[in-house]
Amino acid sequence: MENTDKKILTFLYRNSADAHTPVTYSCEFLADYLEIKIEELEGESEKLIKLGYISKAEIVNKRVQITISQFGRETIQKALM
């Protein structure tokens, strides 16, 4: 697992709500925290959707809204072990 992937999964696990409850973060904050460029957030979001960790990620007005998938927290926890 790449360092960025581990950081993303750890962040989502610690800061996400229940499944299907969207959580919103500033793109700038999230990119800084993950040590990636803001432009890379969309690609990372698509990757997390394909892996089943999140069900939706939207970037609107410099904010990213992330929705954890139904089994996302469990899947993330297993991936971090």
PDB file of N, CA and C in Angstrom:
ATOM      1  N   MET A   1       0.848  -1.177   0.000  1.00  0.00           N
ATOM      2  CA  MET A   1       0.000   0.000   0.000  1.00  0.00           C
ATOM      3  C   MET A   1       0.896   1.244   0.000  1.00  0.00           C
ATOM      4  N   GLU A   2       0.602   2.167  -0.900  1.00  0.00           N
ATOM      5  CA  GLU A   2       1.370   3.405  -0.991  1.00  0.00           C
ATOM      6  C   GLU A   2       1.141   4.265   0.242  1.00  0.00           C
ATOM      7  N   ASN A   3       2.105   5.126   0.554  1.00  0.00           N
ATOM      8  CA  ASN A   3       1.992   6.015   1.706  1.00  0.00           C
ATOM      9  C   ASN A   3       0.766   6.918   1.589  1.00  0.00           C
ATOM     10  N   THR A   4       0.513   7.448   0.375  1.00  0.00           N
ATOM     11  CA  THR A   4      -0.648   8.315   0.167  1.00  0.00           C
ATOM     12  C   THR A   4      -1.936   7.541   0.409  1.00  0.00           C
ATOM     13  N   ASP A   5      -2.003   6.309  -0.088  1.00  0.00           N
ATOM     14  CA  ASP A   5      -3.195   5.486   0.132  1.00  0.00           C
ATOM     15  C   ASP A   5      -3.451   5.276   1.615  1.00  0.00           C
ATOM     16  N   LYS A   6      -2.391   4.959   2.353  1.00  0.00           N
ATOM     17  CA  LYS A   6      -2.533   4.727   3.789  1.00  0.00           C
ATOM     18  C   LYS A   6      -2.997   6.004   4.496  1.00  0.00           C
ATOM     19  N   LYS A   7      -2.452   7.147   4.095  1.00  0.00           N
ATOM     20  CA  LYS A   7      -2.862   8.415   4.690  1.00  0.00           C
ATOM     21  C   LYS A   7      -4.339   8.697   4.426  1.00  0.00           C
ATOM     22  N   ILE A   8      -4.760   8.451   3.187  1.00  0.00           N
ATOM     23  CA  ILE A   8      -6.158   8.690   2.818  1.00  0.00           C
ATOM     24  C   ILE A   8      -7.077   7.782   3.626  1.00  0.00           C
ATOM     25  N   LEU A   9      -6.748   6.500   3.682  1.00  0.00           N
ATOM     26  CA  LEU A   9      -7.595   5.555   4.406  1.00  0.00           C
ATOM     27  C   LEU A   9      -7.645   5.866   5.895  1.00  0.00           C
ATOM     28  N   THR A  10      -6.510   6.235   6.474  1.00  0.00           N
ATOM     29  CA  THR A  10      -6.476   6.603   7.890  1.00  0.00           C
ATOM     30  C   THR A  10      -7.333   7.837   8.126  1.00  0.00           C
ATOM     31  N   PHE A  11      -7.205   8.827   7.260  1.00  0.00           N
ATOM     32  CA  PHE A  11      -8.005  10.049   7.388  1.00  0.00           C
ATOM     33  C   PHE A  11      -9.500   9.728   7.304  1.00  0.00           C
ATOM     34  N   LEU A  12      -9.882   8.946   6.299  1.00  0.00           N
ATOM     35  CA  LEU A  12     -11.292   8.606   6.132  1.00  0.00           C
ATOM     36  C   LEU A  12     -11.817   7.817   7.327  1.00  0.00           C
ATOM     37  N   TYR A  13     -11.037   6.905   7.821  1.00  0.00           N
ATOM     38  CA  TYR A  13     -11.479   6.086   8.947  1.00  0.00           C
ATOM     39  C   TYR A  13     -11.687   6.944  10.192  1.00  0.00           C
ATOM     40  N   ARG A  14     -10.786   7.859  10.438  1.00  0.00           N
ATOM     41  CA  ARG A  14     -10.870   8.697  11.642  1.00  0.00           C
ATOM     42  C   ARG A  14     -11.901   9.812  11.525  1.00  0.00           C
ATOM     43  N   ASN A  15     -12.152  10.281  10.310  1.00  0.00           N
ATOM     44  CA  ASN A  15     -12.958  11.491  10.149  1.00  0.00           C
ATOM     45  C   ASN A  15     -14.259  11.298   9.390  1.00  0.00           C
ATOM     46  N   SER A  16     -14.648  10.078   9.133  1.00  0.00           N
ATOM     47  CA  SER A  16     -15.866   9.868   8.359  1.00  0.00           C
ATOM     48  C   SER A  16     -17.058   9.639   9.275  1.00  0.00           C
ATOM     49  N   ALA A  17     -18.204   9.903   8.725  1.00  0.00           N
ATOM     50  CA  ALA A  17     -19.448   9.648   9.429  1.00  0.00           C
ATOM     51  C   ALA A  17     -19.907   8.233   9.065  1.00  0.00           C
ATOM     52  N   ASP A  18     -21.119   7.915   9.422  1.00  0.00           N
ATOM     53  CA  ASP A  18     -21.691   6.621   9.053  1.00  0.00           C
ATOM     54  C   ASP A  18     -21.828   6.532   7.541  1.00  0.00           C
ATOM     55  N   ALA A  19     -22.035   5.323   7.074  1.00  0.00           N
ATOM     56  CA  ALA A  19     -22.221   5.105   5.640  1.00  0.00           C
ATOM     57  C   ALA A  19     -23.355   5.971   5.117  1.00  0.00           C
ATOM     58  N   HIS A  20     -23.184   6.450   3.937  1.00  0.00           N
ATOM     59  CA  HIS A  20     -24.171   7.254   3.214  1.00  0.00           C
ATOM     60  C   HIS A  20     -24.387   8.653   3.804  1.00  0.00           C
ATOM     61  N   THR A  21     -23.583   9.050   4.795  1.00  0.00           N
ATOM     62  CA  THR A  21     -23.669  10.401   5.356  1.00  0.00           C
ATOM     63  C   THR A  21     -22.481  11.194   4.826  1.00  0.00           C
ATOM     64  N   PRO A  22     -22.738  12.159   3.946  1.00  0.00           N
ATOM     65  CA  PRO A  22     -21.615  12.911   3.366  1.00  0.00           C
ATOM     66  C   PRO A  22     -20.907  13.799   4.391  1.00  0.00           C
ATOM     67  N   VAL A  23     -19.607  13.912   4.238  1.00  0.00           N
ATOM     68  CA  VAL A  23     -18.779  14.779   5.065  1.00  0.00           C
ATOM     69  C   VAL A  23     -18.033  15.700   4.108  1.00  0.00           C
ATOM     70  N   THR A  24     -17.955  16.976   4.445  1.00  0.00           N
ATOM     71  CA  THR A  24     -17.357  17.964   3.551  1.00  0.00           C
ATOM     72  C   THR A  24     -16.076  18.536   4.146  1.00  0.00           C
ATOM     73  N   TYR A  25     -15.058  18.658   3.297  1.00  0.00           N
ATOM     74  CA  TYR A  25     -13.777  19.228   3.688  1.00  0.00           C
ATOM     75  C   TYR A  25     -13.336  20.228   2.640  1.00  0.00           C
ATOM     76  N   SER A  26     -12.544  21.180   3.045  1.00  0.00           N
ATOM     77  CA  SER A  26     -11.923  22.109   2.120  1.00  0.00           C
ATOM     78  C   SER A  26     -10.913  21.334   1.281  1.00  0.00           C
ATOM     79  N   CYS A  27     -10.918  21.573  -0.030  1.00  0.00           N
ATOM     80  CA  CYS A  27      -9.958  20.915  -0.921  1.00  0.00           C
ATOM     81  C   CYS A  27      -8.529  21.242  -0.501  1.00  0.00           C
ATOM     82  N   GLU A  28      -8.308  22.492  -0.130  1.00  0.00           N
ATOM     83  CA  GLU A  28      -6.969  22.924   0.266  1.00  0.00           C
ATOM     84  C   GLU A  28      -6.507  22.166   1.516  1.00  0.00           C
ATOM     85  N   PHE A  29      -7.387  22.055   2.510  1.00  0.00           N
ATOM     86  CA  PHE A  29      -7.045  21.329   3.730  1.00  0.00           C
ATOM     87  C   PHE A  29      -6.726  19.869   3.428  1.00  0.00           C
ATOM     88  N   LEU A  30      -7.587  19.222   2.675  1.00  0.00           N
ATOM     89  CA  LEU A  30      -7.412  17.805   2.392  1.00  0.00           C
ATOM     90  C   LEU A  30      -6.143  17.547   1.576  1.00  0.00           C
ATOM     91  N   ALA A  31      -5.897  18.367   0.587  1.00  0.00           N
ATOM     92  CA  ALA A  31      -4.682  18.221  -0.226  1.00  0.00           C
ATOM     93  C   ALA A  31      -3.436  18.443   0.628  1.00  0.00           C
ATOM     94  N   ASP A  32      -3.462  19.459   1.486  1.00  0.00           N
ATOM     95  CA  ASP A  32      -2.317  19.705   2.378  1.00  0.00           C
ATOM     96  C   ASP A  32      -2.091  18.525   3.319  1.00  0.00           C
ATOM     97  N   TYR A  33      -3.168  18.030   3.895  1.00  0.00           N
ATOM     98  CA  TYR A  33      -3.069  16.908   4.838  1.00  0.00           C
ATOM     99  C   TYR A  33      -2.485  15.666   4.156  1.00  0.00           C
ATOM    100  N   LEU A  34      -2.944  15.408   2.940  1.00  0.00           N
ATOM    101  CA  LEU A  34      -2.500  14.223   2.214  1.00  0.00           C
ATOM    102  C   LEU A  34      -1.171  14.427   1.482  1.00  0.00           C
ATOM    103  N   GLU A  35      -0.701  15.681   1.488  1.00  0.00           N
ATOM    104  CA  GLU A  35       0.545  16.046   0.815  1.00  0.00           C
ATOM    105  C   GLU A  35       0.490  15.744  -0.673  1.00  0.00           C
ATOM    106  N   ILE A  36      -0.625  16.125  -1.290  1.00  0.00           N
ATOM    107  CA  ILE A  36      -0.801  16.000  -2.736  1.00  0.00           C
ATOM    108  C   ILE A  36      -1.299  17.330  -3.266  1.00  0.00           C
ATOM    109  N   LYS A  37      -1.329  17.473  -4.575  1.00  0.00           N
ATOM    110  CA  LYS A  37      -1.851  18.682  -5.199  1.00  0.00           C
ATOM    111  C   LYS A  37      -3.378  18.616  -5.228  1.00  0.00           C
ATOM    112  N   ILE A  38      -4.011  19.768  -5.163  1.00  0.00           N
ATOM    113  CA  ILE A  38      -5.472  19.825  -5.205  1.00  0.00           C
ATOM    114  C   ILE A  38      -5.993  19.128  -6.458  1.00  0.00           C
ATOM    115  N   GLU A  39      -5.280  19.285  -7.567  1.00  0.00           N
ATOM    116  CA  GLU A  39      -5.702  18.682  -8.830  1.00  0.00           C
ATOM    117  C   GLU A  39      -5.732  17.148  -8.753  1.00  0.00           C
ATOM    118  N   GLU A  40      -4.998  16.574  -7.833  1.00  0.00           N
ATOM    119  CA  GLU A  40      -4.929  15.118  -7.697  1.00  0.00           C
ATOM    120  C   GLU A  40      -6.099  14.547  -6.889  1.00  0.00           C
ATOM    121  N   LEU A  41      -6.849  15.393  -6.214  1.00  0.00           N
ATOM    122  CA  LEU A  41      -7.956  14.905  -5.380  1.00  0.00           C
ATOM    123  C   LEU A  41      -8.987  14.114  -6.181  1.00  0.00           C
ATOM    124  N   GLU A  42      -9.309  14.596  -7.360  1.00  0.00           N
ATOM    125  CA  GLU A  42     -10.320  13.913  -8.170  1.00  0.00           C
ATOM    126  C   GLU A  42      -9.865  12.499  -8.546  1.00  0.00           C
ATOM    127  N   GLY A  43      -8.618  12.361  -8.949  1.00  0.00           N
ATOM    128  CA  GLY A  43      -8.087  11.046  -9.304  1.00  0.00           C
ATOM    129  C   GLY A  43      -8.058  10.100  -8.112  1.00  0.00           C
ATOM    130  N   GLU A  44      -7.669  10.624  -6.958  1.00  0.00           N
ATOM    131  CA  GLU A  44      -7.649   9.807  -5.743  1.00  0.00           C
ATOM    132  C   GLU A  44      -9.073   9.385  -5.375  1.00  0.00           C
ATOM    133  N   SER A  45     -10.028  10.292  -5.550  1.00  0.00           N
ATOM    134  CA  SER A  45     -11.429   9.981  -5.251  1.00  0.00           C
ATOM    135  C   SER A  45     -11.940   8.858  -6.135  1.00  0.00           C
ATOM    136  N   GLU A  46     -11.630   8.940  -7.422  1.00  0.00           N
ATOM    137  CA  GLU A  46     -12.060   7.897  -8.361  1.00  0.00           C
ATOM    138  C   GLU A  46     -11.473   6.541  -7.983  1.00  0.00           C
ATOM    139  N   LYS A  47     -10.207   6.541  -7.566  1.00  0.00           N
ATOM    140  CA  LYS A  47      -9.553   5.302  -7.158  1.00  0.00           C
ATOM    141  C   LYS A  47     -10.255   4.701  -5.931  1.00  0.00           C
ATOM    142  N   LEU A  48     -10.617   5.546  -4.964  1.00  0.00           N
ATOM    143  CA  LEU A  48     -11.282   5.063  -3.745  1.00  0.00           C
ATOM    144  C   LEU A  48     -12.680   4.526  -4.039  1.00  0.00           C
ATOM    145  N   ILE A  49     -13.348   5.122  -5.012  1.00  0.00           N
ATOM    146  CA  ILE A  49     -14.673   4.623  -5.411  1.00  0.00           C
ATOM    147  C   ILE A  49     -14.528   3.237  -6.028  1.00  0.00           C
ATOM    148  N   LYS A  50     -13.556   3.077  -6.922  1.00  0.00           N
ATOM    149  CA  LYS A  50     -13.330   1.774  -7.574  1.00  0.00           C
ATOM    150  C   LYS A  50     -12.976   0.685  -6.561  1.00  0.00           C
ATOM    151  N   LEU A  51     -12.260   1.066  -5.509  1.00  0.00           N
ATOM    152  CA  LEU A  51     -11.860   0.099  -4.483  1.00  0.00           C
ATOM    153  C   LEU A  51     -12.981  -0.185  -3.476  1.00  0.00           C
ATOM    154  N   GLY A  52     -14.064   0.593  -3.542  1.00  0.00           N
ATOM    155  CA  GLY A  52     -15.209   0.345  -2.675  1.00  0.00           C
ATOM    156  C   GLY A  52     -15.170   1.024  -1.315  1.00  0.00           C
ATOM    157  N   TYR A  53     -14.194   1.889  -1.089  1.00  0.00           N
ATOM    158  CA  TYR A  53     -14.100   2.575   0.199  1.00  0.00           C
ATOM    159  C   TYR A  53     -15.128   3.691   0.331  1.00  0.00           C
ATOM    160  N   ILE A  54     -15.333   4.412  -0.760  1.00  0.00           N
ATOM    161  CA  ILE A  54     -16.334   5.481  -0.752  1.00  0.00           C
ATOM    162  C   ILE A  54     -17.315   5.249  -1.885  1.00  0.00           C
ATOM    163  N   SER A  55     -18.513   5.785  -1.722  1.00  0.00           N
ATOM    164  CA  SER A  55     -19.512   5.602  -2.775  1.00  0.00           C
ATOM    165  C   SER A  55     -19.627   6.841  -3.650  1.00  0.00           C
ATOM    166  N   LYS A  56     -19.157   7.986  -3.128  1.00  0.00           N
ATOM    167  CA  LYS A  56     -19.311   9.223  -3.886  1.00  0.00           C
ATOM    168  C   LYS A  56     -18.316  10.260  -3.373  1.00  0.00           C
ATOM    169  N   ALA A  57     -17.808  11.069  -4.293  1.00  0.00           N
ATOM    170  CA  ALA A  57     -16.963  12.209  -3.941  1.00  0.00           C
ATOM    171  C   ALA A  57     -17.230  13.304  -4.960  1.00  0.00           C
ATOM    172  N   GLU A  58     -17.623  14.447  -4.465  1.00  0.00           N
ATOM    173  CA  GLU A  58     -17.901  15.587  -5.345  1.00  0.00           C
ATOM    174  C   GLU A  58     -17.048  16.767  -4.929  1.00  0.00           C
ATOM    175  N   ILE A  59     -16.499  17.456  -5.904  1.00  0.00           N
ATOM    176  CA  ILE A  59     -15.759  18.679  -5.631  1.00  0.00           C
ATOM    177  C   ILE A  59     -16.590  19.840  -6.162  1.00  0.00           C
ATOM    178  N   VAL A  60     -17.024  20.696  -5.241  1.00  0.00           N
ATOM    179  CA  VAL A  60     -17.861  21.844  -5.583  1.00  0.00           C
ATOM    180  C   VAL A  60     -17.384  23.045  -4.777  1.00  0.00           C
ATOM    181  N   ASN A  61     -17.154  24.151  -5.442  1.00  0.00           N
ATOM    182  CA  ASN A  61     -16.752  25.398  -4.783  1.00  0.00           C
ATOM    183  C   ASN A  61     -15.573  25.210  -3.825  1.00  0.00           C
ATOM    184  N   LYS A  62     -14.539  24.558  -4.311  1.00  0.00           N
ATOM    185  CA  LYS A  62     -13.306  24.340  -3.564  1.00  0.00           C
ATOM    186  C   LYS A  62     -13.503  23.522  -2.291  1.00  0.00           C
ATOM    187  N   ARG A  63     -14.559  22.716  -2.278  1.00  0.00           N
ATOM    188  CA  ARG A  63     -14.818  21.812  -1.164  1.00  0.00           C
ATOM    189  C   ARG A  63     -15.085  20.424  -1.735  1.00  0.00           C
ATOM    190  N   VAL A  64     -14.645  19.421  -1.017  1.00  0.00           N
ATOM    191  CA  VAL A  64     -14.880  18.047  -1.459  1.00  0.00           C
ATOM    192  C   VAL A  64     -15.832  17.386  -0.462  1.00  0.00           C
ATOM    193  N   GLN A  65     -16.865  16.787  -1.008  1.00  0.00           N
ATOM    194  CA  GLN A  65     -17.850  16.087  -0.184  1.00  0.00           C
ATOM    195  C   GLN A  65     -17.675  14.590  -0.425  1.00  0.00           C
ATOM    196  N   ILE A  66     -17.386  13.870   0.655  1.00  0.00           N
ATOM    197  CA  ILE A  66     -17.092  12.444   0.562  1.00  0.00           C
ATOM    198  C   ILE A  66     -18.181  11.649   1.278  1.00  0.00           C
ATOM    199  N   THR A  67     -18.656  10.604   0.620  1.00  0.00           N
ATOM    200  CA  THR A  67     -19.634   9.706   1.221  1.00  0.00           C
ATOM    201  C   THR A  67     -19.027   8.315   1.293  1.00  0.00           C
ATOM    202  N   ILE A  68     -18.943   7.781   2.501  1.00  0.00           N
ATOM    203  CA  ILE A  68     -18.401   6.440   2.710  1.00  0.00           C
ATOM    204  C   ILE A  68     -19.408   5.416   2.198  1.00  0.00           C
ATOM    205  N   SER A  69     -18.922   4.350   1.581  1.00  0.00           N
ATOM    206  CA  SER A  69     -19.817   3.307   1.093  1.00  0.00           C
ATOM    207  C   SER A  69     -20.380   2.499   2.260  1.00  0.00           C
ATOM    208  N   GLN A  70     -21.345   1.661   1.973  1.00  0.00           N
ATOM    209  CA  GLN A  70     -22.049   0.907   3.015  1.00  0.00           C
ATOM    210  C   GLN A  70     -21.087   0.123   3.912  1.00  0.00           C
ATOM    211  N   PHE A  71     -20.128  -0.536   3.323  1.00  0.00           N
ATOM    212  CA  PHE A  71     -19.172  -1.317   4.109  1.00  0.00           C
ATOM    213  C   PHE A  71     -17.793  -0.665   4.125  1.00  0.00           C
ATOM    214  N   GLY A  72     -17.749   0.618   3.788  1.00  0.00           N
ATOM    215  CA  GLY A  72     -16.487   1.339   3.658  1.00  0.00           C
ATOM    216  C   GLY A  72     -15.638   1.352   4.908  1.00  0.00           C
ATOM    217  N   ARG A  73     -16.232   1.647   6.065  1.00  0.00           N
ATOM    218  CA  ARG A  73     -15.449   1.714   7.306  1.00  0.00           C
ATOM    219  C   ARG A  73     -14.841   0.351   7.629  1.00  0.00           C
ATOM    220  N   GLU A  74     -15.614  -0.713   7.458  1.00  0.00           N
ATOM    221  CA  GLU A  74     -15.097  -2.063   7.718  1.00  0.00           C
ATOM    222  C   GLU A  74     -13.972  -2.399   6.748  1.00  0.00           C
ATOM    223  N   THR A  75     -14.174  -2.068   5.479  1.00  0.00           N
ATOM    224  CA  THR A  75     -13.179  -2.352   4.456  1.00  0.00           C
ATOM    225  C   THR A  75     -11.903  -1.552   4.710  1.00  0.00           C
ATOM    226  N   ILE A  76     -12.061  -0.296   5.093  1.00  0.00           N
ATOM    227  CA  ILE A  76     -10.903   0.549   5.403  1.00  0.00           C
ATOM    228  C   ILE A  76     -10.152  -0.013   6.597  1.00  0.00           C
ATOM    229  N   GLN A  77     -10.883  -0.402   7.623  1.00  0.00           N
ATOM    230  CA  GLN A  77     -10.245  -0.954   8.821  1.00  0.00           C
ATOM    231  C   GLN A  77      -9.427  -2.199   8.476  1.00  0.00           C
ATOM    232  N   LYS A  78      -9.985  -3.076   7.653  1.00  0.00           N
ATOM    233  CA  LYS A  78      -9.264  -4.288   7.242  1.00  0.00           C
ATOM    234  C   LYS A  78      -8.013  -3.937   6.440  1.00  0.00           C
ATOM    235  N   ALA A  79      -8.118  -2.941   5.574  1.00  0.00           N
ATOM    236  CA  ALA A  79      -6.975  -2.545   4.744  1.00  0.00           C
ATOM    237  C   ALA A  79      -5.845  -1.960   5.584  1.00  0.00           C
ATOM    238  N   LEU A  80      -6.194  -1.315   6.689  1.00  0.00           N
ATOM    239  CA  LEU A  80      -5.181  -0.682   7.536  1.00  0.00           C
ATOM    240  C   LEU A  80      -4.493  -1.667   8.479  1.00  0.00           C
ATOM    241  N   MET A  81      -5.060  -2.844   8.636  1.00  0.00           N
ATOM    242  CA  MET A  81      -4.464  -3.841   9.551  1.00  0.00           C
ATOM    243  C   MET A  81      -3.215  -4.450   8.972  1.00  0.00           C
TER     244      MET A  81
END
